[in-house]
All heavy atoms as atom14 arrays in JSON, in Angstrom:
{
  "sequence": "PGPSIRDADRYPLRMLLSVLADDGGSRLFWE",
  "atom14_mask": [
    [1, 1, 1, 1, 1, 1, 1, 0, 0, 0, 0, 0, 0, 0],
    [1, 1, 1, 1, 0, 0, 0, 0, 0, 0, 0, 0, 0, 0],
    [1, 1, 1, 1, 1, 1, 1, 0, 0, 0, 0, 0, 0, 0],
    [1, 1, 1, 1, 1, 1, 0, 0, 0, 0, 0, 0, 0, 0],
    [1, 1, 1, 1, 1, 1, 1, 1, 0, 0, 0, 0, 0, 0],
    [1, 1, 1, 1, 1, 1, 1, 1, 1, 1, 1, 0, 0, 0],
    [1, 1, 1, 1, 1, 1, 1, 1, 0, 0, 0, 0, 0, 0],
    [1, 1, 1, 1, 1, 0, 0, 0, 0, 0, 0, 0, 0, 0],
    [1, 1, 1, 1, 1, 1, 1, 1, 0, 0, 0, 0, 0, 0],
    [1, 1, 1, 1, 1, 1, 1, 1, 1, 1, 1, 0, 0, 0],
    [1, 1, 1, 1, 1, 1, 1, 1, 1, 1, 1, 1, 0, 0],
    [1, 1, 1, 1, 1, 1, 1, 0, 0, 0, 0, 0, 0, 0],
    [1, 1, 1, 1, 1, 1, 1, 1, 0, 0, 0, 0, 0, 0],
    [1, 1, 1, 1, 1, 1, 1, 1, 1, 1, 1, 0, 0, 0],
    [1, 1, 1, 1, 1, 1, 1, 1, 0, 0, 0, 0, 0, 0],
    [1, 1, 1, 1, 1, 1, 1, 1, 0, 0, 0, 0, 0, 0],
    [1, 1, 1, 1, 1, 1, 1, 1, 0, 0, 0, 0, 0, 0],
    [1, 1, 1, 1, 1, 1, 0, 0, 0, 0, 0, 0, 0, 0],
    [1, 1, 1, 1, 1, 1, 1, 0, 0, 0, 0, 0, 0, 0],
    [1, 1, 1, 1, 1, 1, 1, 1, 0, 0, 0, 0, 0, 0],
    [1, 1, 1, 1, 1, 0, 0, 0, 0, 0, 0, 0, 0, 0],
    [1, 1, 1, 1, 1, 1, 1, 1, 0, 0, 0, 0, 0, 0],
    [1, 1, 1, 1, 1, 1, 1, 1, 0, 0, 0, 0, 0, 0],
    [1, 1, 1, 1, 0, 0, 0, 0, 0, 0, 0, 0, 0, 0],
    [1, 1, 1, 1, 0, 0, 0, 0, 0, 0, 0, 0, 0, 0],
    [1, 1, 1, 1, 1, 1, 0, 0, 0, 0, 0, 0, 0, 0],
    [1, 1, 1, 1, 1, 1, 1, 1, 1, 1, 1, 0, 0, 0],
    [1, 1, 1, 1, 1, 1, 1, 1, 0, 0, 0, 0, 0, 0],
    [1, 1, 1, 1, 1, 1, 1, 1, 1, 1, 1, 0, 0, 0],
    [1, 1, 1, 1, 1, 1, 1, 1, 1, 1, 1, 1, 1, 1],
    [1, 1, 1, 1, 1, 1, 1, 1, 1, 0, 0, 0, 0, 0]
  ],
  "atom14_positions": [
    [[23.26, -77.22, -1.09], [22.91, -75.99, -1.83], [22.45, -76.29, -3.25], [22.93, -77.22, -3.9], [24.23, -75.2, -1.82], [24.97, -75.71, -0.63], [24.63, -77.17, -0.54], [0.0, 0.0, 0.0], [0.0, 0.0, 0.0], [0.0, 0.0, 0.0], [0.0, 0.0, 0.0], [0.0, 0.0, 0.0], [0.0, 0.0, 0.0], [0.0, 0.0, 0.0]],
    [[21.53, -75.48, -3.74], [21.01, -75.6, -5.1], [20.85, -74.23, -5.73], [21.11, -73.2, -5.1], [0.0, 0.0, 0.0], [0.0, 0.0, 0.0], [0.0, 0.0, 0.0], [0.0, 0.0, 0.0], [0.0, 0.0, 0.0], [0.0, 0.0, 0.0], [0.0, 0.0, 0.0], [0.0, 0.0, 0.0], [0.0, 0.0, 0.0], [0.0, 0.0, 0.0]],
    [[20.4, -74.17, -6.97], [20.25, -72.89, -7.68], [19.01, -72.12, -7.24], [18.05, -72.71, -6.74], [20.14, -73.32, -9.15], [19.54, -74.7, -9.08], [20.08, -75.33, -7.83], [0.0, 0.0, 0.0], [0.0, 0.0, 0.0], [0.0, 0.0, 0.0], [0.0, 0.0, 0.0], [0.0, 0.0, 0.0], [0.0, 0.0, 0.0], [0.0, 0.0, 0.0]],
    [[19.03, -70.82, -7.45], [17.88, -69.97, -7.15], [16.91, -69.98, -8.32], [17.2, -70.54, -9.39], [18.35, -68.54, -6.87], [18.71, -67.91, -8.1], [0.0, 0.0, 0.0], [0.0, 0.0, 0.0], [0.0, 0.0, 0.0], [0.0, 0.0, 0.0], [0.0, 0.0, 0.0], [0.0, 0.0, 0.0], [0.0, 0.0, 0.0], [0.0, 0.0, 0.0]],
    [[15.79, -69.31, -8.14], [14.78, -69.25, -9.19], [15.27, -68.48, -10.41], [14.74, -68.63, -11.51], [13.48, -68.63, -8.63], [12.3, -68.92, -9.55], [13.63, -67.12, -8.42], [10.97, -68.51, -8.97], [0.0, 0.0, 0.0], [0.0, 0.0, 0.0], [0.0, 0.0, 0.0], [0.0, 0.0, 0.0], [0.0, 0.0, 0.0], [0.0, 0.0, 0.0]],
    [[16.3, -67.67, -10.24], [16.84, -66.87, -11.34], [17.98, -67.56, -12.08], [18.49, -67.03, -13.07], [17.34, -65.52, -10.8], [16.29, -64.71, -10.06], [16.93, -63.51, -9.38], [16.01, -62.79, -8.53], [15.25, -61.78, -8.92], [15.3, -61.38, -10.16], [14.44, -61.18, -8.06], [0.0, 0.0, 0.0], [0.0, 0.0, 0.0], [0.0, 0.0, 0.0]],
    [[18.4, -68.72, -11.61], [19.59, -69.39, -12.12], [19.23, -70.35, -13.25], [18.37, -71.22, -13.08], [20.26, -70.16, -10.97], [21.7, -70.54, -11.28], [21.98, -70.84, -12.46], [22.53, -70.56, -10.36], [0.0, 0.0, 0.0], [0.0, 0.0, 0.0], [0.0, 0.0, 0.0], [0.0, 0.0, 0.0], [0.0, 0.0, 0.0], [0.0, 0.0, 0.0]],
    [[19.9, -70.22, -14.39], [19.63, -71.1, -15.53], [20.0, -72.55, -15.25], [19.54, -73.46, -15.95], [20.39, -70.59, -16.76], [0.0, 0.0, 0.0], [0.0, 0.0, 0.0], [0.0, 0.0, 0.0], [0.0, 0.0, 0.0], [0.0, 0.0, 0.0], [0.0, 0.0, 0.0], [0.0, 0.0, 0.0], [0.0, 0.0, 0.0], [0.0, 0.0, 0.0]],
    [[20.82, -72.79, -14.23], [21.19, -74.17, -13.88], [20.0, -75.01, -13.44], [20.09, -76.24, -13.4], [22.2, -74.17, -12.73], [23.59, -73.73, -13.14], [23.87, -73.76, -14.35], [24.37, -73.36, -12.25], [0.0, 0.0, 0.0], [0.0, 0.0, 0.0], [0.0, 0.0, 0.0], [0.0, 0.0, 0.0], [0.0, 0.0, 0.0], [0.0, 0.0, 0.0]],
    [[18.9, -74.36, -13.08], [17.81, -75.13, -12.48], [17.21, -76.12, -13.46], [16.71, -77.18, -13.04], [16.74, -74.21, -11.92], [16.0, -73.35, -12.91], [15.18, -72.31, -12.17], [14.37, -71.48, -13.04], [14.81, -70.43, -13.71], [16.1, -70.11, -13.63], [14.01, -69.71, -14.46], [0.0, 0.0, 0.0], [0.0, 0.0, 0.0], [0.0, 0.0, 0.0]],
    [[17.27, -75.86, -14.75], [16.67, -76.79, -15.71], [17.52, -78.04, -15.93], [17.0, -79.16, -15.85], [16.36, -76.06, -17.02], [15.39, -74.92, -16.79], [15.83, -73.6, -16.76], [14.05, -75.18, -16.54], [14.95, -72.56, -16.5], [13.17, -74.14, -16.27], [13.62, -72.84, -16.26], [12.74, -71.81, -15.99], [0.0, 0.0, 0.0], [0.0, 0.0, 0.0]],
    [[18.84, -77.91, -16.17], [19.65, -79.13, -16.21], [19.62, -79.9, -14.89], [19.6, -81.14, -14.89], [21.06, -78.6, -16.5], [20.86, -77.3, -17.16], [19.61, -76.72, -16.56], [0.0, 0.0, 0.0], [0.0, 0.0, 0.0], [0.0, 0.0, 0.0], [0.0, 0.0, 0.0], [0.0, 0.0, 0.0], [0.0, 0.0, 0.0], [0.0, 0.0, 0.0]],
    [[19.57, -79.17, -13.76], [19.53, -79.86, -12.47], [18.24, -80.64, -12.3], [18.25, -81.78, -11.81], [19.69, -78.85, -11.33], [19.63, -79.47, -9.93], [20.82, -80.39, -9.7], [19.58, -78.4, -8.86], [0.0, 0.0, 0.0], [0.0, 0.0, 0.0], [0.0, 0.0, 0.0], [0.0, 0.0, 0.0], [0.0, 0.0, 0.0], [0.0, 0.0, 0.0]],
    [[17.12, -80.07, -12.7], [15.85, -80.79, -12.6], [15.9, -82.08, -13.41], [15.41, -83.12, -12.97], [14.7, -79.91, -13.09], [14.33, -78.76, -12.19], [13.25, -77.91, -12.83], [12.99, -76.67, -12.09], [12.18, -75.72, -12.48], [11.52, -75.85, -13.64], [12.0, -74.63, -11.77], [0.0, 0.0, 0.0], [0.0, 0.0, 0.0], [0.0, 0.0, 0.0]],
    [[16.49, -82.02, -14.61], [16.58, -83.22, -15.43], [17.53, -84.25, -14.8], [17.28, -85.45, -14.84], [17.05, -82.86, -16.84], [16.08, -81.95, -17.61], [14.41, -82.63, -17.79], [13.58, -81.94, -16.35], [0.0, 0.0, 0.0], [0.0, 0.0, 0.0], [0.0, 0.0, 0.0], [0.0, 0.0, 0.0], [0.0, 0.0, 0.0], [0.0, 0.0, 0.0]],
    [[18.61, -83.76, -14.21], [19.55, -84.66, -13.52], [18.85, -85.39, -12.39], [18.96, -86.62, -12.25], [20.72, -83.85, -12.97], [21.69, -84.59, -12.04], [22.45, -85.67, -12.8], [22.66, -83.6, -11.4], [0.0, 0.0, 0.0], [0.0, 0.0, 0.0], [0.0, 0.0, 0.0], [0.0, 0.0, 0.0], [0.0, 0.0, 0.0], [0.0, 0.0, 0.0]],
    [[18.11, -84.66, -11.57], [17.44, -85.27, -10.42], [16.31, -86.19, -10.86], [16.01, -87.18, -10.18], [16.92, -84.19, -9.48], [18.0, -83.31, -8.83], [17.36, -82.26, -7.93], [19.01, -84.14, -8.06], [0.0, 0.0, 0.0], [0.0, 0.0, 0.0], [0.0, 0.0, 0.0], [0.0, 0.0, 0.0], [0.0, 0.0, 0.0], [0.0, 0.0, 0.0]],
    [[15.69, -85.9, -11.99], [14.67, -86.8, -12.52], [15.29, -88.14, -12.91], [14.74, -89.2, -12.61], [13.99, -86.15, -13.74], [13.02, -87.02, -14.3], [0.0, 0.0, 0.0], [0.0, 0.0, 0.0], [0.0, 0.0, 0.0], [0.0, 0.0, 0.0], [0.0, 0.0, 0.0], [0.0, 0.0, 0.0], [0.0, 0.0, 0.0], [0.0, 0.0, 0.0]],
    [[16.44, -88.09, -13.57], [17.13, -89.33, -13.96], [17.58, -90.11, -12.74], [17.42, -91.34, -12.67], [18.35, -89.0, -14.85], [19.24, -90.24, -15.04], [17.91, -88.45, -16.2], [0.0, 0.0, 0.0], [0.0, 0.0, 0.0], [0.0, 0.0, 0.0], [0.0, 0.0, 0.0], [0.0, 0.0, 0.0], [0.0, 0.0, 0.0], [0.0, 0.0, 0.0]],
    [[18.14, -89.42, -11.77], [18.73, -90.1, -10.62], [17.71, -90.53, -9.59], [17.84, -91.6, -8.98], [19.77, -89.2, -9.95], [20.98, -88.79, -10.78], [21.91, -87.94, -9.92], [21.71, -90.01, -11.32], [0.0, 0.0, 0.0], [0.0, 0.0, 0.0], [0.0, 0.0, 0.0], [0.0, 0.0, 0.0], [0.0, 0.0, 0.0], [0.0, 0.0, 0.0]],
    [[16.69, -89.68, -9.35], [15.96, -89.89, -8.1], [14.52, -89.41, -8.09], [14.01, -89.02, -7.04], [16.71, -89.2, -6.97], [0.0, 0.0, 0.0], [0.0, 0.0, 0.0], [0.0, 0.0, 0.0], [0.0, 0.0, 0.0], [0.0, 0.0, 0.0], [0.0, 0.0, 0.0], [0.0, 0.0, 0.0], [0.0, 0.0, 0.0], [0.0, 0.0, 0.0]],
    [[13.8, -89.46, -9.22], [12.39, -89.14, -9.09], [11.66, -90.37, -8.55], [12.25, -91.41, -8.3], [11.79, -88.61, -10.4], [11.57, -89.68, -11.45], [11.81, -90.86, -11.17], [11.15, -89.33, -12.57], [0.0, 0.0, 0.0], [0.0, 0.0, 0.0], [0.0, 0.0, 0.0], [0.0, 0.0, 0.0], [0.0, 0.0, 0.0], [0.0, 0.0, 0.0]],
    [[10.34, -90.25, -8.36], [9.62, -91.3, -7.63], [9.18, -92.47, -8.5], [8.42, -93.33, -8.05], [8.41, -90.71, -6.9], [7.45, -90.01, -7.86], [7.68, -90.05, -9.08], [6.48, -89.41, -7.37], [0.0, 0.0, 0.0], [0.0, 0.0, 0.0], [0.0, 0.0, 0.0], [0.0, 0.0, 0.0], [0.0, 0.0, 0.0], [0.0, 0.0, 0.0]],
    [[9.66, -92.55, -9.73], [9.33, -93.69, -10.57], [10.26, -93.8, -11.76], [10.45, -92.85, -12.5], [0.0, 0.0, 0.0], [0.0, 0.0, 0.0], [0.0, 0.0, 0.0], [0.0, 0.0, 0.0], [0.0, 0.0, 0.0], [0.0, 0.0, 0.0], [0.0, 0.0, 0.0], [0.0, 0.0, 0.0], [0.0, 0.0, 0.0], [0.0, 0.0, 0.0]],
    [[10.89, -94.94, -11.93], [11.73, -95.18, -13.09], [13.12, -94.57, -13.04], [13.86, -94.62, -14.02], [0.0, 0.0, 0.0], [0.0, 0.0, 0.0], [0.0, 0.0, 0.0], [0.0, 0.0, 0.0], [0.0, 0.0, 0.0], [0.0, 0.0, 0.0], [0.0, 0.0, 0.0], [0.0, 0.0, 0.0], [0.0, 0.0, 0.0], [0.0, 0.0, 0.0]],
    [[13.51, -94.01, -11.91], [14.84, -93.41, -11.79], [15.85, -94.44, -11.29], [15.49, -95.57, -10.91], [14.8, -92.23, -10.81], [14.49, -92.7, -9.5], [0.0, 0.0, 0.0], [0.0, 0.0, 0.0], [0.0, 0.0, 0.0], [0.0, 0.0, 0.0], [0.0, 0.0, 0.0], [0.0, 0.0, 0.0], [0.0, 0.0, 0.0], [0.0, 0.0, 0.0]],
    [[17.11, -94.06, -11.25], [18.14, -94.97, -10.75], [17.89, -95.33, -9.29], [18.06, -96.49, -8.9], [19.53, -94.32, -10.91], [19.95, -94.12, -12.36], [21.38, -93.6, -12.45], [21.77, -93.28, -13.82], [22.97, -92.84, -14.17], [23.9, -92.67, -13.23], [23.25, -92.58, -15.43], [0.0, 0.0, 0.0], [0.0, 0.0, 0.0], [0.0, 0.0, 0.0]],
    [[17.53, -94.34, -8.48], [17.24, -94.63, -7.07], [16.01, -95.52, -6.93], [15.95, -96.38, -6.04], [17.01, -93.33, -6.3], [18.19, -92.75, -5.52], [17.73, -91.54, -4.73], [18.81, -93.77, -4.6], [0.0, 0.0, 0.0], [0.0, 0.0, 0.0], [0.0, 0.0, 0.0], [0.0, 0.0, 0.0], [0.0, 0.0, 0.0], [0.0, 0.0, 0.0]],
    [[15.03, -95.33, -7.79], [13.83, -96.16, -7.73], [14.2, -97.63, -7.9], [13.76, -98.48, -7.11], [12.84, -95.73, -8.82], [11.64, -96.63, -8.93], [10.53, -96.42, -8.13], [11.62, -97.68, -9.84], [9.42, -97.25, -8.21], [10.51, -98.51, -9.94], [9.41, -98.3, -9.12], [0.0, 0.0, 0.0], [0.0, 0.0, 0.0], [0.0, 0.0, 0.0]],
    [[15.0, -97.92, -8.92], [15.36, -99.32, -9.16], [16.28, -99.86, -8.08], [16.24, -101.05, -7.75], [16.0, -99.46, -10.54], [15.07, -99.09, -11.66], [15.21, -98.07, -12.54], [13.84, -99.74, -12.0], [14.15, -98.01, -13.41], [13.29, -99.04, -13.1], [13.14, -100.82, -11.48], [12.09, -99.41, -13.69], [11.93, -101.19, -12.07], [11.43, -100.49, -13.17]],
    [[17.11, -99.01, -7.51], [18.06, -99.45, -6.5], [17.41, -99.69, -5.14], [17.73, -100.67, -4.45], [19.17, -98.4, -6.35], [20.28, -98.75, -5.36], [21.34, -99.65, -5.95], [21.46, -99.7, -7.19], [22.06, -100.31, -5.17], [0.0, 0.0, 0.0], [0.0, 0.0, 0.0], [0.0, 0.0, 0.0], [0.0, 0.0, 0.0], [0.0, 0.0, 0.0]]
  ]
}
C-alpha cells in the first residue's frame, strides 16, 4: 500500500524511493 494523490506523504515517499531504488545512483542500483 502507498499514499493517494491527496496524501501529503507522497512527497517524502517519492524522495525515499529515489534514494533507495531509482534506476540510477540509488542504493539498489549499486547493490
